[in-house]
Protein backbone atom coordinates (compact mmCIF):
# COMPACT_ATOMS: atom_id res chain seq x y z
CA GLN A 1 0.00 0.00 0.00
CA VAL A 2 1.40 3.35 -1.04
CA GLN A 3 1.43 5.98 1.66
CA LEU A 4 3.12 9.30 2.43
CA VAL A 5 3.00 10.59 5.99
CA GLU A 6 4.14 14.11 6.82
CA SER A 7 5.08 15.31 10.27
CA GLY A 8 7.00 18.09 11.98
CA GLY A 9 4.60 20.97 11.54
CA GLY A 10 3.61 23.29 14.34
CA LEU A 11 3.57 26.83 15.63
CA VAL A 12 6.81 28.81 15.31
CA GLN A 13 7.73 32.46 15.75
CA PRO A 14 8.88 34.57 12.80
CA GLY A 15 12.55 33.95 12.17
CA GLY A 16 12.34 30.44 13.59
CA SER A 17 12.99 27.05 12.05
CA LEU A 18 11.17 23.78 11.52
CA ARG A 19 12.01 20.50 9.83
CA LEU A 20 9.24 18.61 8.09
CA SER A 21 9.50 14.89 7.42
CA CYS A 22 7.74 12.78 4.81
CA VAL A 23 7.97 9.02 5.31
CA ALA A 24 7.09 6.92 2.29
CA SER A 25 5.87 3.34 2.19
CA GLY A 26 5.00 1.20 -0.81
CA PHE A 27 7.54 2.84 -3.11
CA ILE A 28 11.15 3.99 -3.07
CA VAL A 29 11.61 7.75 -2.80
CA SER A 30 14.95 7.70 -4.59
CA SER A 31 13.15 6.51 -7.74
CA TYR A 32 10.60 9.30 -7.70
CA VAL A 33 10.59 13.06 -8.02
CA MET A 34 9.78 14.04 -4.44
CA SER A 35 8.29 17.47 -3.86
CA TRP A 36 6.86 19.69 -1.19
CA TYR A 37 3.84 21.87 -1.88
CA ARG A 38 1.92 24.20 0.40
CA GLN A 39 -1.52 25.74 0.58
CA GLY A 40 -2.00 28.88 2.63
CA PRO A 41 -5.36 30.14 3.91
CA GLY A 42 -7.45 31.32 0.96
CA LYS A 43 -4.68 30.46 -1.50
CA GLN A 44 -4.12 27.82 -4.15
CA ARG A 45 -1.68 25.02 -3.58
CA GLU A 46 1.81 26.05 -4.73
CA PHE A 47 5.11 24.36 -5.40
CA VAL A 48 7.82 24.76 -2.75
CA ALA A 49 10.72 22.44 -3.54
CA ALA A 50 11.65 19.22 -5.31
CA ILE A 51 14.45 16.67 -5.41
CA ILE A 52 14.95 14.50 -8.47
CA PRO A 53 15.99 10.84 -8.51
CA SER A 54 19.32 11.14 -10.26
CA PHE A 55 22.12 12.82 -8.32
CA GLY A 56 19.57 14.37 -5.95
CA ALA A 57 19.47 17.70 -7.75
CA THR A 58 17.07 20.17 -6.14
CA THR A 59 14.90 23.08 -7.20
CA TYR A 60 13.01 25.69 -5.20
CA ALA A 61 10.31 28.30 -5.55
CA ASP A 62 11.77 31.80 -5.56
CA SER A 63 9.85 32.62 -2.38
CA VAL A 64 11.76 30.03 -0.33
CA LYS A 65 15.13 29.94 -2.10
CA GLY A 66 17.96 30.38 0.39
CA ARG A 67 15.70 29.66 3.38
CA PHE A 68 14.40 26.13 2.74
CA THR A 69 16.35 22.97 1.97
CA ILE A 70 14.91 19.72 0.64
CA SER A 71 16.82 16.52 1.25
CA ARG A 72 16.38 12.77 1.11
CA ASP A 73 17.48 9.87 3.32
CA ASN A 74 17.35 6.76 1.16
CA ALA A 75 17.97 4.43 4.08
CA LYS A 76 14.90 5.78 5.87
CA ASN A 77 12.90 6.25 2.66
CA THR A 78 12.17 9.75 3.91
CA VAL A 79 12.23 13.24 2.45
CA TYR A 80 12.78 16.33 4.58
CA LEU A 81 12.13 20.03 4.28
CA GLN A 82 14.33 22.15 6.51
CA MET A 83 12.77 25.58 6.88
CA SER A 84 14.56 28.54 8.41
CA SER A 85 14.01 32.29 8.66
CA LEU A 86 10.31 31.56 8.63
CA LYS A 87 7.87 34.34 7.83
CA PRO A 88 4.13 34.70 8.49
CA ASP A 89 3.61 34.22 4.73
CA ASP A 90 5.01 30.69 5.11
CA THR A 91 1.92 29.74 7.12
CA ALA A 92 0.25 26.90 5.24
CA VAL A 93 -0.52 23.22 5.15
CA TYR A 94 2.55 21.54 3.69
CA TYR A 95 2.12 18.48 1.49
CA CYS A 96 4.58 15.89 0.27
CA LYS A 97 4.24 14.45 -3.23
CA GLY A 98 5.90 11.56 -5.01
CA LEU A 99 5.82 11.43 -8.81
CA ARG A 100 7.13 8.95 -11.31
CA SER A 101 6.02 9.44 -14.89
CA GLY A 102 3.94 6.55 -16.16
CA VAL A 103 3.82 4.94 -12.74
CA GLY A 104 1.97 7.12 -10.29
CA GLU A 105 1.53 10.31 -8.31
CA TYR A 106 1.05 10.16 -4.55
CA TRP A 107 0.20 12.80 -1.97
CA GLY A 108 0.38 12.89 1.79
CA GLN A 109 -2.31 14.24 4.08
CA GLY A 110 -0.42 17.42 4.94
CA THR A 111 1.02 19.01 8.05
CA GLN A 112 0.13 22.47 9.35
CA VAL A 113 2.83 25.11 9.74
CA THR A 114 1.87 28.35 11.48
CA VAL A 115 4.31 31.23 11.73
CA SER A 116 3.12 33.77 14.24
CA SER A 117 4.29 35.75 17.24
């Protein structure tokens, strides 16, 4: 059974940091494009970051570049999103996605991140 489970969200003050985790089961994350998306209140879901299978190259939305880092632990079949210098605009539900063309696209249930003083 394919499943993605996010964790690590919470309430953090502006300027703070959080690390989100996305544990996959039923498929191997190193064979998929693994991404993080987010959906803020009243906003559409938007791309945040991705890591590709080969060489682990990464890409980021301009809004998070230099503040967020996506990484992958193949042994734990887990993808992470390290977030620092958080801003109130980063408040959103963060979703993990796994994509492999011609095979499947999988989403987690999301984890809430709230940046507020």
